[in-house]
């Protein structure tokens, strides 16, 4: 994990650095933005709730 990532979730914007984490409901409107020209490496963990 490296670089910087801006993530917009609904009406809120967050800036994440290497090894930062964020958790949100995946069905919320969201956008990922690399604000630099450098490579950003991140990991997604997607958990589905069993019904």
C-alpha atoms as a PDB file:
ATOM      1  CA  UNK A   1       0.000   0.000   0.000  1.00  0.00           C
ATOM      2  CA  UNK A   2       1.442   3.321  -1.014  1.00  0.00           C
ATOM      3  CA  UNK A   3       0.581   6.764  -2.259  1.00  0.00           C
ATOM      4  CA  UNK A   4      -2.314   9.078  -1.592  1.00  0.00           C
ATOM      5  CA  UNK A   5      -5.984   8.492  -2.302  1.00  0.00           C
ATOM      6  CA  UNK A   6      -8.916  10.848  -2.045  1.00  0.00           C
ATOM      7  CA  UNK A   7     -12.233   9.148  -1.583  1.00  0.00           C
ATOM      8  CA  UNK A   8     -15.593  10.825  -1.726  1.00  0.00           C
ATOM      9  CA  UNK A   9     -18.416   9.017   0.090  1.00  0.00           C
ATOM     10  CA  UNK A  10     -21.799  10.669  -0.287  1.00  0.00           C
ATOM     11  CA  UNK A  11     -21.086  14.342   0.555  1.00  0.00           C
ATOM     12  CA  UNK A  12     -17.848  13.799   2.501  1.00  0.00           C
ATOM     13  CA  UNK A  13     -14.282  13.724   1.153  1.00  0.00           C
ATOM     14  CA  UNK A  14     -11.397  11.931   2.864  1.00  0.00           C
ATOM     15  CA  UNK A  15      -7.671  11.826   2.069  1.00  0.00           C
ATOM     16  CA  UNK A  16      -5.894   8.570   2.834  1.00  0.00           C
ATOM     17  CA  UNK A  17      -2.149   7.976   3.013  1.00  0.00           C
ATOM     18  CA  UNK A  18      -0.223   4.698   2.986  1.00  0.00           C
ATOM     19  CA  UNK A  19      -1.732   2.121   5.362  1.00  0.00           C
ATOM     20  CA  UNK A  20      -4.763   4.276   6.231  1.00  0.00           C
ATOM     21  CA  UNK A  21      -8.143   2.554   6.227  1.00  0.00           C
ATOM     22  CA  UNK A  22     -11.731   3.566   5.694  1.00  0.00           C
ATOM     23  CA  UNK A  23     -14.965   1.640   6.063  1.00  0.00           C
ATOM     24  CA  UNK A  24     -18.271   2.533   4.451  1.00  0.00           C
ATOM     25  CA  UNK A  25     -21.365   0.924   3.004  1.00  0.00           C
ATOM     26  CA  UNK A  26     -20.541  -0.017  -0.579  1.00  0.00           C
ATOM     27  CA  UNK A  27     -23.998   0.865  -1.821  1.00  0.00           C
ATOM     28  CA  UNK A  28     -23.378   4.526  -0.902  1.00  0.00           C
ATOM     29  CA  UNK A  29     -22.309   6.761  -3.812  1.00  0.00           C
ATOM     30  CA  UNK A  30     -18.499   6.853  -3.757  1.00  0.00           C
ATOM     31  CA  UNK A  31     -15.552   7.911  -5.930  1.00  0.00           C
ATOM     32  CA  UNK A  32     -11.823   7.136  -5.778  1.00  0.00           C
ATOM     33  CA  UNK A  33      -9.357   9.836  -6.909  1.00  0.00           C
ATOM     34  CA  UNK A  34      -5.577   9.732  -7.164  1.00  0.00           C
ATOM     35  CA  UNK A  35      -4.680  13.411  -6.586  1.00  0.00           C
ATOM     36  CA  UNK A  36      -1.067  12.949  -7.759  1.00  0.00           C
ATOM     37  CA  UNK A  37       0.819  11.678 -10.808  1.00  0.00           C
ATOM     38  CA  UNK A  38       2.438   8.954  -8.657  1.00  0.00           C
ATOM     39  CA  UNK A  39       1.204   5.383  -8.505  1.00  0.00           C
ATOM     40  CA  UNK A  40      -1.277   4.598  -5.736  1.00  0.00           C
ATOM     41  CA  UNK A  41      -1.560   1.014  -4.490  1.00  0.00           C
ATOM     42  CA  UNK A  42      -4.492   0.009  -2.310  1.00  0.00           C
ATOM     43  CA  UNK A  43      -6.355  -3.076  -1.167  1.00  0.00           C
ATOM     44  CA  UNK A  44     -10.119  -3.541  -1.223  1.00  0.00           C
ATOM     45  CA  UNK A  45     -11.832  -5.810   1.271  1.00  0.00           C
ATOM     46  CA  UNK A  46     -15.471  -6.337   0.370  1.00  0.00           C
ATOM     47  CA  UNK A  47     -17.693  -8.034   2.926  1.00  0.00           C
ATOM     48  CA  UNK A  48     -21.180  -9.126   2.006  1.00  0.00           C
ATOM     49  CA  UNK A  49     -23.726  -9.480   4.749  1.00  0.00           C
ATOM     50  CA  UNK A  50     -25.440 -12.857   4.687  1.00  0.00           C
ATOM     51  CA  UNK A  51     -29.211 -12.740   4.959  1.00  0.00           C
END
